[in-house]
């Protein structure tokens, strides 16, 4: 069964628990400009900017996707520690890129300057990387 990427609007109790687990082990710099996981999740849900990857009814990864007229920005991408290195992040990015293209926009990754993992992912997927 493939990972299904969706925009979260009204997450269930289990979805909320999964989101907490996704961001539980995230480094502190990932949350900027938010004060932590709870604020990132809450604000992103209110803005309609949270996308997530689901497998077998559980969320494995999530990211903030801000939609602007010509450029969409993907940030705060995180995958649960126990499911990392299985293509979840790449699937989230690829689906966000497809969503942006369907809307006539270009997807940009946002990450701290010099962040090697983000640089590698952006290069692999041929996406622009903008520093935060």
N, C-alpha and C. Protein backbone atom coordinates (compact mmCIF):
# COMPACT_ATOMS: atom_id res chain seq x y z
N UNK A 1 0.85 -1.18 0.00
CA UNK A 1 0.00 0.00 0.00
C UNK A 1 0.89 1.24 0.00
N UNK A 2 0.63 2.18 -0.90
CA UNK A 2 1.49 3.37 -0.99
C UNK A 2 1.18 4.40 0.09
N UNK A 3 2.11 5.32 0.24
CA UNK A 3 1.93 6.44 1.15
C UNK A 3 1.02 7.45 0.46
N UNK A 4 -0.05 7.82 1.11
CA UNK A 4 -1.00 8.77 0.56
C UNK A 4 -0.72 10.13 1.20
N UNK A 5 -0.51 11.14 0.37
CA UNK A 5 -0.26 12.49 0.87
C UNK A 5 -1.56 13.27 0.82
N UNK A 6 -1.87 13.95 1.90
CA UNK A 6 -3.12 14.70 1.98
C UNK A 6 -2.93 16.00 2.75
N UNK A 7 -3.79 16.95 2.45
CA UNK A 7 -3.85 18.18 3.24
C UNK A 7 -4.73 17.89 4.44
N UNK A 8 -4.22 18.19 5.62
CA UNK A 8 -4.99 17.95 6.84
C UNK A 8 -5.83 19.17 7.17
N UNK A 9 -7.10 18.97 7.33
CA UNK A 9 -8.01 20.05 7.68
C UNK A 9 -8.63 19.82 9.06
N UNK A 10 -9.14 18.62 9.26
CA UNK A 10 -9.82 18.28 10.51
C UNK A 10 -9.27 16.95 11.01
N UNK A 11 -8.08 16.97 11.62
CA UNK A 11 -7.45 15.72 12.02
C UNK A 11 -8.19 15.02 13.16
N UNK A 12 -8.20 13.70 13.09
CA UNK A 12 -8.81 12.91 14.15
C UNK A 12 -7.90 12.94 15.39
N UNK A 13 -8.39 12.36 16.46
CA UNK A 13 -7.58 12.26 17.68
C UNK A 13 -6.30 11.48 17.37
N UNK A 14 -6.42 10.38 16.62
CA UNK A 14 -5.25 9.58 16.27
C UNK A 14 -4.28 10.38 15.41
N UNK A 15 -4.81 11.17 14.47
CA UNK A 15 -3.95 12.03 13.65
C UNK A 15 -3.17 13.02 14.52
N UNK A 16 -3.85 13.60 15.50
CA UNK A 16 -3.19 14.55 16.41
C UNK A 16 -2.06 13.85 17.17
N UNK A 17 -2.32 12.64 17.64
CA UNK A 17 -1.29 11.87 18.33
C UNK A 17 -0.11 11.57 17.40
N UNK A 18 -0.42 11.19 16.16
CA UNK A 18 0.64 10.90 15.18
C UNK A 18 1.47 12.14 14.88
N UNK A 19 0.83 13.30 14.76
CA UNK A 19 1.56 14.54 14.51
C UNK A 19 2.52 14.85 15.65
N UNK A 20 2.08 14.64 16.87
CA UNK A 20 2.96 14.84 18.02
C UNK A 20 4.17 13.91 17.95
N UNK A 21 3.94 12.65 17.56
CA UNK A 21 5.03 11.69 17.45
C UNK A 21 5.99 12.05 16.31
N UNK A 22 5.44 12.57 15.22
CA UNK A 22 6.28 12.96 14.08
C UNK A 22 7.28 14.02 14.51
N UNK A 23 6.81 15.03 15.22
CA UNK A 23 7.67 16.15 15.59
C UNK A 23 8.37 15.98 16.94
N UNK A 24 8.13 14.88 17.62
CA UNK A 24 8.69 14.64 18.95
C UNK A 24 10.22 14.68 18.97
N UNK A 25 10.86 14.08 18.01
CA UNK A 25 12.32 14.01 18.00
C UNK A 25 12.97 15.03 17.07
N UNK A 26 12.19 15.98 16.59
CA UNK A 26 12.72 16.97 15.65
C UNK A 26 13.69 17.91 16.35
N UNK A 27 14.72 18.35 15.64
CA UNK A 27 15.64 19.32 16.24
C UNK A 27 14.94 20.67 16.43
N UNK A 28 15.40 21.43 17.41
CA UNK A 28 14.73 22.69 17.78
C UNK A 28 14.68 23.69 16.63
N UNK A 29 15.70 23.70 15.76
CA UNK A 29 15.73 24.67 14.66
C UNK A 29 14.61 24.44 13.66
N UNK A 30 14.05 23.23 13.62
CA UNK A 30 13.00 22.91 12.65
C UNK A 30 11.72 23.71 12.91
N UNK A 31 11.51 24.13 14.15
CA UNK A 31 10.25 24.78 14.50
C UNK A 31 10.23 26.29 14.23
N UNK A 32 11.37 26.89 14.00
CA UNK A 32 11.40 28.35 13.77
C UNK A 32 10.52 28.71 12.59
N UNK A 33 9.71 29.72 12.70
CA UNK A 33 9.59 30.75 13.73
C UNK A 33 8.59 30.40 14.83
N UNK A 34 8.15 29.15 14.90
CA UNK A 34 7.18 28.73 15.91
C UNK A 34 7.90 28.39 17.22
N UNK A 35 7.13 28.36 18.31
CA UNK A 35 7.72 28.09 19.63
C UNK A 35 7.84 26.60 19.94
N UNK A 36 7.48 25.75 19.03
CA UNK A 36 7.59 24.31 19.25
C UNK A 36 6.57 23.57 18.41
N UNK A 37 6.53 22.27 18.62
CA UNK A 37 5.68 21.40 17.82
C UNK A 37 4.20 21.76 17.94
N UNK A 38 3.74 22.01 19.16
CA UNK A 38 2.31 22.30 19.36
C UNK A 38 1.88 23.54 18.58
N UNK A 39 2.68 24.61 18.63
CA UNK A 39 2.32 25.83 17.91
C UNK A 39 2.42 25.62 16.40
N UNK A 40 3.44 24.91 15.94
CA UNK A 40 3.58 24.62 14.51
C UNK A 40 2.35 23.88 14.00
N UNK A 41 1.96 22.83 14.70
CA UNK A 41 0.82 22.02 14.28
C UNK A 41 -0.47 22.84 14.31
N UNK A 42 -0.70 23.55 15.42
CA UNK A 42 -1.93 24.33 15.57
C UNK A 42 -2.04 25.42 14.50
N UNK A 43 -0.98 26.20 14.33
CA UNK A 43 -1.02 27.29 13.35
C UNK A 43 -1.14 26.76 11.92
N UNK A 44 -0.44 25.67 11.63
CA UNK A 44 -0.49 25.10 10.28
C UNK A 44 -1.87 24.54 9.96
N UNK A 45 -2.52 23.94 10.95
CA UNK A 45 -3.89 23.46 10.75
C UNK A 45 -4.85 24.62 10.53
N UNK A 46 -4.69 25.68 11.32
CA UNK A 46 -5.57 26.86 11.17
C UNK A 46 -5.38 27.52 9.81
N UNK A 47 -4.13 27.54 9.32
CA UNK A 47 -3.83 28.14 8.02
C UNK A 47 -4.16 27.22 6.85
N UNK A 48 -4.47 25.96 7.13
CA UNK A 48 -4.69 24.99 6.06
C UNK A 48 -3.40 24.66 5.35
N UNK A 49 -2.28 24.77 6.06
CA UNK A 49 -0.97 24.61 5.44
C UNK A 49 -0.27 23.31 5.82
N UNK A 50 -0.96 22.38 6.47
CA UNK A 50 -0.30 21.16 6.91
C UNK A 50 -0.64 20.02 5.96
N UNK A 51 0.41 19.39 5.42
CA UNK A 51 0.21 18.18 4.62
C UNK A 51 0.88 17.03 5.37
N UNK A 52 0.39 15.83 5.11
CA UNK A 52 0.93 14.67 5.82
C UNK A 52 0.91 13.45 4.93
N UNK A 53 1.82 12.53 5.22
CA UNK A 53 1.87 11.26 4.52
C UNK A 53 1.26 10.18 5.41
N UNK A 54 0.30 9.46 4.86
CA UNK A 54 -0.44 8.45 5.61
C UNK A 54 -0.15 7.07 5.02
N UNK A 55 0.05 6.10 5.90
CA UNK A 55 0.22 4.71 5.51
C UNK A 55 -0.55 3.85 6.50
N UNK A 56 -1.49 3.03 5.98
CA UNK A 56 -2.31 2.18 6.85
C UNK A 56 -2.98 2.98 7.97
N UNK A 57 -3.59 4.07 7.63
CA UNK A 57 -4.35 4.91 8.56
C UNK A 57 -3.52 5.62 9.62
N UNK A 58 -2.21 5.64 9.46
CA UNK A 58 -1.35 6.35 10.42
C UNK A 58 -0.51 7.38 9.67
N UNK A 59 -0.31 8.53 10.29
CA UNK A 59 0.53 9.56 9.72
C UNK A 59 1.98 9.27 10.05
N UNK A 60 2.83 9.30 9.02
CA UNK A 60 4.25 8.99 9.19
C UNK A 60 5.14 10.21 9.05
N UNK A 61 4.67 11.21 8.33
CA UNK A 61 5.45 12.42 8.10
C UNK A 61 4.53 13.59 7.85
N UNK A 62 5.07 14.79 8.03
CA UNK A 62 4.26 16.00 7.83
C UNK A 62 5.17 17.15 7.43
N UNK A 63 4.55 18.17 6.86
CA UNK A 63 5.28 19.37 6.46
C UNK A 63 4.30 20.53 6.35
N UNK A 64 4.85 21.72 6.42
CA UNK A 64 4.06 22.95 6.24
C UNK A 64 4.18 23.35 4.77
N UNK A 65 3.06 23.53 4.10
CA UNK A 65 3.03 23.91 2.69
C UNK A 65 2.26 25.22 2.56
N UNK A 66 3.02 26.30 2.32
CA UNK A 66 2.41 27.62 2.15
C UNK A 66 2.21 27.88 0.67
N UNK A 67 0.98 28.19 0.32
CA UNK A 67 0.61 28.38 -1.09
C UNK A 67 0.52 29.87 -1.40
N UNK A 68 1.38 30.33 -2.30
CA UNK A 68 1.34 31.71 -2.79
C UNK A 68 1.02 31.64 -4.27
N UNK A 69 0.79 32.76 -4.91
CA UNK A 69 0.32 32.75 -6.29
C UNK A 69 1.25 31.99 -7.25
N UNK A 70 2.52 32.30 -7.28
CA UNK A 70 3.43 31.66 -8.23
C UNK A 70 4.43 30.71 -7.60
N UNK A 71 4.61 30.83 -6.29
CA UNK A 71 5.60 30.02 -5.59
C UNK A 71 4.98 29.42 -4.33
N UNK A 72 5.12 28.11 -4.19
CA UNK A 72 4.70 27.43 -2.97
C UNK A 72 5.96 27.09 -2.19
N UNK A 73 5.88 27.18 -0.86
CA UNK A 73 7.04 26.93 -0.01
C UNK A 73 6.76 25.77 0.94
N UNK A 74 7.66 24.79 0.91
CA UNK A 74 7.55 23.62 1.78
C UNK A 74 8.60 23.73 2.88
N UNK A 75 8.16 23.64 4.11
CA UNK A 75 9.08 23.78 5.24
C UNK A 75 8.64 22.85 6.37
N UNK A 76 9.43 22.82 7.43
CA UNK A 76 9.15 22.02 8.62
C UNK A 76 8.82 20.56 8.27
N UNK A 77 9.51 20.02 7.27
CA UNK A 77 9.33 18.64 6.86
C UNK A 77 9.96 17.71 7.89
N UNK A 78 9.17 16.75 8.37
CA UNK A 78 9.67 15.83 9.38
C UNK A 78 8.97 14.48 9.22
N UNK A 79 9.72 13.42 9.48
CA UNK A 79 9.21 12.05 9.42
C UNK A 79 9.47 11.39 10.77
N UNK A 80 8.54 10.56 11.20
CA UNK A 80 8.74 9.84 12.47
C UNK A 80 10.06 9.10 12.45
N UNK A 81 10.75 9.17 13.54
CA UNK A 81 12.08 8.58 13.64
C UNK A 81 12.09 7.10 13.26
N UNK A 82 11.08 6.34 13.68
CA UNK A 82 11.05 4.90 13.41
C UNK A 82 10.78 4.56 11.95
N UNK A 83 10.34 5.55 11.15
CA UNK A 83 10.05 5.27 9.74
C UNK A 83 10.93 6.05 8.78
N UNK A 84 11.99 6.65 9.27
CA UNK A 84 12.89 7.40 8.41
C UNK A 84 13.67 6.47 7.49
N UNK A 85 14.14 7.04 6.39
CA UNK A 85 14.96 6.33 5.39
C UNK A 85 14.13 5.32 4.59
N UNK A 86 12.82 5.61 4.44
CA UNK A 86 11.94 4.72 3.68
C UNK A 86 11.19 5.45 2.58
N UNK A 87 11.60 6.67 2.29
CA UNK A 87 11.01 7.41 1.18
C UNK A 87 9.81 8.26 1.51
N UNK A 88 9.48 8.40 2.78
CA UNK A 88 8.31 9.19 3.17
C UNK A 88 8.52 10.67 2.84
N UNK A 89 9.68 11.21 3.20
CA UNK A 89 9.95 12.63 2.93
C UNK A 89 9.94 12.90 1.42
N UNK A 90 10.56 12.02 0.67
CA UNK A 90 10.59 12.21 -0.78
C UNK A 90 9.19 12.16 -1.36
N UNK A 91 8.35 11.27 -0.87
CA UNK A 91 6.97 11.18 -1.34
C UNK A 91 6.20 12.46 -1.01
N UNK A 92 6.40 13.00 0.19
CA UNK A 92 5.74 14.25 0.56
C UNK A 92 6.17 15.40 -0.36
N UNK A 93 7.46 15.48 -0.62
CA UNK A 93 7.98 16.56 -1.46
C UNK A 93 7.47 16.40 -2.90
N UNK A 94 7.52 15.18 -3.42
CA UNK A 94 7.08 14.95 -4.80
C UNK A 94 5.59 15.28 -4.98
N UNK A 95 4.78 14.91 -4.01
CA UNK A 95 3.36 15.21 -4.11
C UNK A 95 3.10 16.71 -3.96
N UNK A 96 3.83 17.37 -3.07
CA UNK A 96 3.70 18.84 -2.95
C UNK A 96 4.10 19.51 -4.26
N UNK A 97 5.14 18.99 -4.89
CA UNK A 97 5.58 19.53 -6.17
C UNK A 97 4.50 19.34 -7.24
N UNK A 98 3.87 18.18 -7.28
CA UNK A 98 2.79 17.93 -8.24
C UNK A 98 1.59 18.83 -7.98
N UNK A 99 1.26 19.03 -6.70
CA UNK A 99 0.15 19.92 -6.35
C UNK A 99 0.45 21.35 -6.81
N UNK A 100 1.67 21.80 -6.59
CA UNK A 100 2.05 23.15 -7.01
C UNK A 100 1.98 23.29 -8.52
N UNK A 101 2.49 22.31 -9.23
CA UNK A 101 2.46 22.36 -10.70
C UNK A 101 1.04 22.41 -11.23
N UNK A 102 0.14 21.63 -10.62
CA UNK A 102 -1.26 21.66 -11.05
C UNK A 102 -1.89 23.03 -10.83
N UNK A 103 -1.39 23.77 -9.85
CA UNK A 103 -1.90 25.12 -9.56
C UNK A 103 -1.13 26.19 -10.33
N UNK A 104 -0.18 25.78 -11.17
CA UNK A 104 0.59 26.75 -11.95
C UNK A 104 1.66 27.44 -11.14
N UNK A 105 2.14 26.80 -10.08
CA UNK A 105 3.16 27.40 -9.21
C UNK A 105 4.40 26.52 -9.19
N UNK A 106 5.48 27.07 -8.66
CA UNK A 106 6.73 26.35 -8.49
C UNK A 106 6.94 26.08 -7.01
N UNK A 107 7.38 24.88 -6.68
CA UNK A 107 7.64 24.53 -5.29
C UNK A 107 9.08 24.86 -4.92
N UNK A 108 9.26 25.50 -3.77
CA UNK A 108 10.58 25.78 -3.21
C UNK A 108 10.66 25.12 -1.84
N UNK A 109 11.80 24.53 -1.52
CA UNK A 109 12.04 24.03 -0.18
C UNK A 109 12.63 25.15 0.66
N UNK A 110 12.20 25.26 1.89
CA UNK A 110 12.77 26.23 2.83
C UNK A 110 13.54 25.46 3.89
N UNK A 111 14.77 25.87 4.13
CA UNK A 111 15.61 25.23 5.15
C UNK A 111 16.68 26.22 5.58
N UNK A 112 17.25 25.98 6.77
CA UNK A 112 18.34 26.86 7.21
C UNK A 112 19.51 26.80 6.22
N UNK A 113 20.17 27.91 6.05
CA UNK A 113 21.32 27.98 5.15
C UNK A 113 22.36 26.94 5.58
N UNK A 114 22.91 26.22 4.63
CA UNK A 114 23.93 25.24 4.91
C UNK A 114 23.42 23.91 5.41
N UNK A 115 22.11 23.68 5.41
CA UNK A 115 21.56 22.42 5.88
C UNK A 115 21.77 21.35 4.81
N UNK A 116 22.67 20.40 5.09
CA UNK A 116 23.11 19.43 4.09
C UNK A 116 22.01 18.47 3.65
N UNK A 117 21.17 18.00 4.55
CA UNK A 117 20.11 17.08 4.16
C UNK A 117 19.12 17.75 3.22
N UNK A 118 18.76 18.99 3.52
CA UNK A 118 17.84 19.73 2.65
C UNK A 118 18.48 19.99 1.29
N UNK A 119 19.76 20.33 1.29
CA UNK A 119 20.47 20.54 0.01
C UNK A 119 20.46 19.28 -0.83
N UNK A 120 20.72 18.14 -0.21
CA UNK A 120 20.75 16.87 -0.93
C UNK A 120 19.37 16.53 -1.49
N UNK A 121 18.32 16.72 -0.69
CA UNK A 121 16.97 16.43 -1.15
C UNK A 121 16.57 17.36 -2.29
N UNK A 122 16.87 18.64 -2.16
CA UNK A 122 16.55 19.60 -3.22
C UNK A 122 17.29 19.26 -4.50
N UNK A 123 18.56 18.89 -4.40
CA UNK A 123 19.33 18.53 -5.59
C UNK A 123 18.77 17.27 -6.24
N UNK A 124 18.45 16.27 -5.44
CA UNK A 124 17.92 15.00 -5.96
C UNK A 124 16.62 15.22 -6.71
N UNK A 125 15.76 16.08 -6.18
CA UNK A 125 14.44 16.32 -6.79
C UNK A 125 14.41 17.53 -7.70
N UNK A 126 15.57 18.15 -7.88
CA UNK A 126 15.71 19.33 -8.76
C UNK A 126 14.75 20.45 -8.38
N UNK A 127 14.81 20.81 -7.09
CA UNK A 127 13.96 21.87 -6.56
C UNK A 127 14.82 23.02 -6.05
N UNK A 128 14.33 24.25 -6.19
CA UNK A 128 15.02 25.38 -5.58
C UNK A 128 14.99 25.28 -4.06
N UNK A 129 16.08 25.66 -3.42
CA UNK A 129 16.18 25.66 -1.96
C UNK A 129 16.38 27.09 -1.52
N UNK A 130 15.47 27.58 -0.70
CA UNK A 130 15.55 28.95 -0.18
C UNK A 130 15.94 28.90 1.29
N UNK A 131 16.90 29.72 1.69
CA UNK A 131 17.28 29.74 3.12
C UNK A 131 16.21 30.43 3.96
N UNK A 132 16.09 29.96 5.17
CA UNK A 132 15.12 30.55 6.11
C UNK A 132 15.83 31.69 6.82
